[in-house]
Protein backbone atom coordinates (compact mmCIF):
# COMPACT_ATOMS: atom_id res chain seq x y z
CA MET A 1 -5.00 33.95 6.75
CA VAL A 2 -1.66 33.02 5.18
CA SER A 3 -0.36 35.71 2.82
CA LYS A 4 1.86 35.44 -0.26
CA VAL A 5 4.68 36.91 1.82
CA ALA A 6 4.23 34.23 4.50
CA ILE A 7 4.31 31.48 1.87
CA CYS A 8 7.49 32.94 0.37
CA ASN A 9 9.09 33.10 3.82
CA LEU A 10 8.16 29.44 4.40
CA ALA A 11 9.87 28.63 1.12
CA LEU A 12 13.01 30.45 2.23
CA ALA A 13 13.01 28.70 5.60
CA ASN A 14 12.61 25.33 3.83
CA ILE A 15 15.98 25.80 2.15
CA GLY A 16 17.73 27.12 5.25
CA SER A 17 17.66 30.81 4.43
CA THR A 18 17.77 33.14 7.44
CA ALA A 19 16.51 36.08 5.38
CA SER A 20 12.84 37.03 5.32
CA ILE A 21 10.74 39.14 3.00
CA GLN A 22 8.69 42.03 4.35
CA ASP A 23 7.07 43.31 1.13
CA LEU A 24 7.02 41.03 -1.90
CA ASP A 25 5.91 43.73 -4.35
CA SER A 26 8.46 46.46 -3.64
CA GLU A 27 11.36 44.95 -1.71
CA ASN A 28 14.71 44.95 -3.54
CA SER A 29 16.37 42.02 -1.76
CA THR A 30 17.64 39.05 -3.77
CA GLU A 31 15.17 36.77 -1.95
CA ALA A 32 12.20 39.01 -2.82
CA PHE A 33 13.34 39.27 -6.46
CA TYR A 34 13.42 35.50 -7.01
CA ALA A 35 10.29 34.82 -4.95
CA ARG A 36 8.42 37.46 -6.95
CA GLN A 37 9.76 36.02 -10.21
CA HIS A 38 8.68 32.44 -9.44
CA TYR A 39 5.62 32.72 -7.17
CA ASP A 40 2.83 32.68 -9.79
CA VAL A 41 4.43 29.97 -11.94
CA SER A 42 5.04 27.83 -8.84
CA ARG A 43 1.46 28.38 -7.63
CA GLN A 44 -0.01 27.36 -10.99
CA ALA A 45 2.23 24.29 -11.17
CA VAL A 46 0.98 23.10 -7.76
CA LEU A 47 -2.65 23.78 -8.71
CA VAL A 48 -2.23 21.56 -11.78
CA ASP A 49 -0.25 18.77 -10.09
CA PHE A 50 -3.20 17.63 -7.95
CA ASP A 51 -7.00 17.93 -8.11
CA TRP A 52 -7.29 20.19 -5.06
CA GLY A 53 -10.90 20.40 -3.91
CA PHE A 54 -10.84 24.17 -3.41
CA THR A 55 -9.82 24.74 -7.05
CA THR A 56 -12.62 22.72 -8.64
CA LYS A 57 -15.04 24.73 -10.74
CA ILE A 58 -17.95 23.53 -12.90
CA ASP A 59 -19.22 25.92 -15.54
CA ALA A 60 -21.27 25.90 -18.72
CA LEU A 61 -19.07 26.27 -21.78
CA ALA A 62 -19.62 28.91 -24.47
CA LEU A 63 -19.57 27.87 -28.11
CA SER A 64 -16.65 29.31 -30.05
CA GLY A 65 -17.56 31.49 -33.01
CA ASP A 66 -14.23 31.31 -34.85
CA ALA A 67 -13.47 27.62 -34.80
CA THR A 68 -13.20 24.96 -37.44
CA VAL A 69 -14.47 21.82 -35.76
CA PRO A 70 -12.41 18.72 -36.59
CA SER A 71 -14.35 16.00 -38.40
CA ASP A 72 -14.20 13.66 -35.39
CA TRP A 73 -15.99 16.17 -33.11
CA THR A 74 -19.31 18.02 -33.29
CA TYR A 75 -18.81 21.16 -31.17
CA ALA A 76 -16.04 23.63 -30.38
CA TYR A 77 -16.17 25.56 -27.09
CA ALA A 78 -14.06 28.42 -25.81
CA TYR A 79 -11.50 27.41 -23.19
CA PRO A 80 -12.41 29.28 -19.95
CA SER A 81 -10.00 32.13 -19.22
CA ASP A 82 -9.47 31.00 -15.61
CA CYS A 83 -8.93 27.32 -16.51
CA LEU A 84 -5.54 25.79 -15.74
CA ARG A 85 -6.54 22.21 -16.51
CA ALA A 86 -9.70 20.81 -18.08
CA ARG A 87 -10.71 17.68 -16.17
CA ASP A 88 -14.12 16.41 -17.34
CA ILE A 89 -16.97 17.27 -19.72
CA TYR A 90 -20.58 16.62 -18.71
CA ASP A 91 -24.07 17.24 -19.94
CA SER A 92 -26.30 19.31 -17.65
CA ASP A 93 -26.35 16.46 -15.10
CA THR A 94 -22.83 16.36 -13.65
CA SER A 95 -23.63 13.16 -11.78
CA ASN A 96 -23.56 11.33 -15.13
CA ASN A 97 -20.37 9.75 -16.43
CA PRO A 98 -17.91 12.21 -17.97
CA LEU A 99 -17.79 12.49 -21.75
CA LYS A 100 -14.93 12.42 -24.23
CA PHE A 101 -13.24 15.66 -25.29
CA SER A 102 -9.97 17.01 -26.62
CA ILE A 103 -8.10 20.31 -26.47
CA GLY A 104 -7.23 22.19 -29.66
CA ILE A 105 -6.67 25.67 -31.04
CA ASN A 106 -8.57 28.10 -33.26
CA LYS A 107 -7.87 29.06 -36.89
CA THR A 108 -5.69 32.03 -35.98
CA LEU A 109 -3.61 29.95 -33.54
CA ASP A 110 -4.18 32.26 -30.58
CA THR A 111 -7.03 30.72 -28.57
CA LYS A 112 -7.41 27.31 -26.94
CA LEU A 113 -10.60 25.36 -27.66
CA ILE A 114 -12.40 22.34 -26.27
CA PHE A 115 -13.83 19.86 -28.78
CA THR A 116 -16.60 17.44 -27.81
CA ASP A 117 -19.78 15.84 -29.11
CA GLN A 118 -21.88 17.22 -26.24
CA ALA A 119 -24.35 20.02 -26.89
CA SER A 120 -24.68 22.45 -23.94
CA ALA A 121 -21.53 21.06 -22.35
CA TYR A 122 -20.33 21.68 -18.81
CA LEU A 123 -16.66 21.58 -17.87
CA ARG A 124 -15.19 20.54 -14.53
CA TYR A 125 -11.79 22.16 -14.29
CA THR A 126 -8.96 23.41 -12.13
CA ALA A 127 -9.44 27.15 -11.72
CA ASN A 128 -6.55 29.59 -11.44
CA ILE A 129 -7.07 30.44 -7.74
CA GLU A 130 -4.95 33.35 -6.49
CA ASN A 131 -6.78 34.20 -3.25
CA THR A 132 -4.65 32.79 -0.43
CA THR A 133 -7.64 32.69 1.95
CA LEU A 134 -8.96 29.77 -0.13
CA PHE A 135 -5.73 27.76 0.06
CA SER A 136 -5.88 24.60 2.17
CA PRO A 137 -3.07 23.95 4.68
CA ALA A 138 -1.85 21.03 2.57
CA PHE A 139 -1.72 23.25 -0.50
CA ILE A 140 0.20 25.98 1.36
CA THR A 141 2.81 23.46 2.49
CA ALA A 142 3.12 21.97 -1.00
CA LEU A 143 3.37 25.44 -2.56
CA SER A 144 6.10 26.50 -0.13
CA TRP A 145 8.16 23.45 -1.12
CA ARG A 146 7.52 23.96 -4.85
CA LEU A 147 8.64 27.58 -4.49
CA SER A 148 11.71 26.37 -2.55
CA LEU A 149 12.50 24.03 -5.44
CA ASP A 150 12.17 26.81 -8.01
CA ILE A 151 14.21 29.49 -6.19
CA SER A 152 16.87 27.27 -4.63
CA PRO A 153 19.23 27.07 -7.65
CA ALA A 154 19.41 30.86 -7.90
CA LEU A 155 19.74 31.51 -4.16
CA HIS A 156 22.01 28.64 -3.12
CA GLY A 157 23.25 26.75 -6.15
CA ASP A 158 23.53 23.67 -3.93
CA PRO A 159 22.21 20.58 -5.79
CA GLU A 160 21.58 18.75 -2.51
CA ILE A 161 19.29 21.51 -1.20
CA THR A 162 17.43 21.60 -4.51
CA SER A 163 17.10 17.80 -4.57
CA ASN A 164 15.73 17.81 -1.02
CA ALA A 165 13.18 20.49 -1.97
CA GLN A 166 12.08 18.37 -4.94
CA GLN A 167 11.64 15.27 -2.77
CA MET A 168 9.70 17.21 -0.14
CA TYR A 169 7.45 18.73 -2.78
CA ARG A 170 6.62 15.29 -4.21
CA PHE A 171 5.98 13.97 -0.71
CA MET A 172 3.65 16.87 0.16
CA VAL A 173 1.60 16.49 -3.03
CA GLY A 174 1.32 12.75 -2.39
CA ARG A 175 0.25 13.38 1.19
CA ALA A 176 -2.33 15.89 0.00
CA ALA A 177 -4.19 13.12 -1.82
CA THR A 178 -5.16 11.67 1.57
CA VAL A 179 -5.81 14.98 3.34
CA ASP A 180 -7.84 16.53 0.52
CA ALA A 181 -9.91 13.39 -0.03
CA ASN A 182 -11.12 13.51 3.58
CA GLU A 183 -12.67 16.96 3.12
CA GLY A 184 -15.54 15.70 0.96
CA GLN A 185 -17.55 12.57 0.43
CA ALA A 186 -17.27 10.75 -2.87
CA ALA A 187 -20.46 10.23 -4.83
CA GLU A 188 -21.88 6.74 -4.95
CA PRO A 189 -20.65 4.93 -8.07
CA ARG A 190 -23.34 4.79 -10.73
CA GLU A 191 -24.50 1.41 -11.99
CA ALA A 192 -24.60 0.82 -15.72
CA ASP A 193 -28.00 1.27 -17.40
CA TRP A 194 -28.14 -2.43 -18.29
CA ILE A 195 -27.92 -3.29 -14.57
CA THR A 196 -30.54 -0.80 -13.37
CA GLY A 197 -32.84 -1.77 -16.24
CA ARG A 198 -33.04 -5.45 -15.22
């Protein structure tokens, strides 16, 4: 298992730091301070930047009780608390084509909502995964480079090191598209009803 501390130490090594963190929560070193400050934001940014297989969650949505539904939609659902990015809306059969939806906000401007025309809607979304045991190797590498990018200006102030971290992060996310895709098998594309009905 790769821990948060190990990921932070990878990030430091990526930018040529010889220091290492022993305890992310209590250590007072400069490296630990900036790693602690940026870790969660960096992790969430990487989760959102690519549709990682291990972050995909499908859940039934709950109708919102305090929403004014815009005239171009029929239903308003509560945005799941662990959702980082809403990907697709389905009916109860998630093998069907995804349905249209939009993101909005409630009357008191403090809660995100999902608007759609689907009754009993299901959402496929990127969940806010914190458990490092679920992270794929490709994700760990990408996260280490994203964290390098975020902490580099404060630790080094060298634009070249920061630029290199940015390029490596982009490369690792791009590479993940191939690696992650090989972990599952894509569903067969569905034929249109007018084809199957012939």
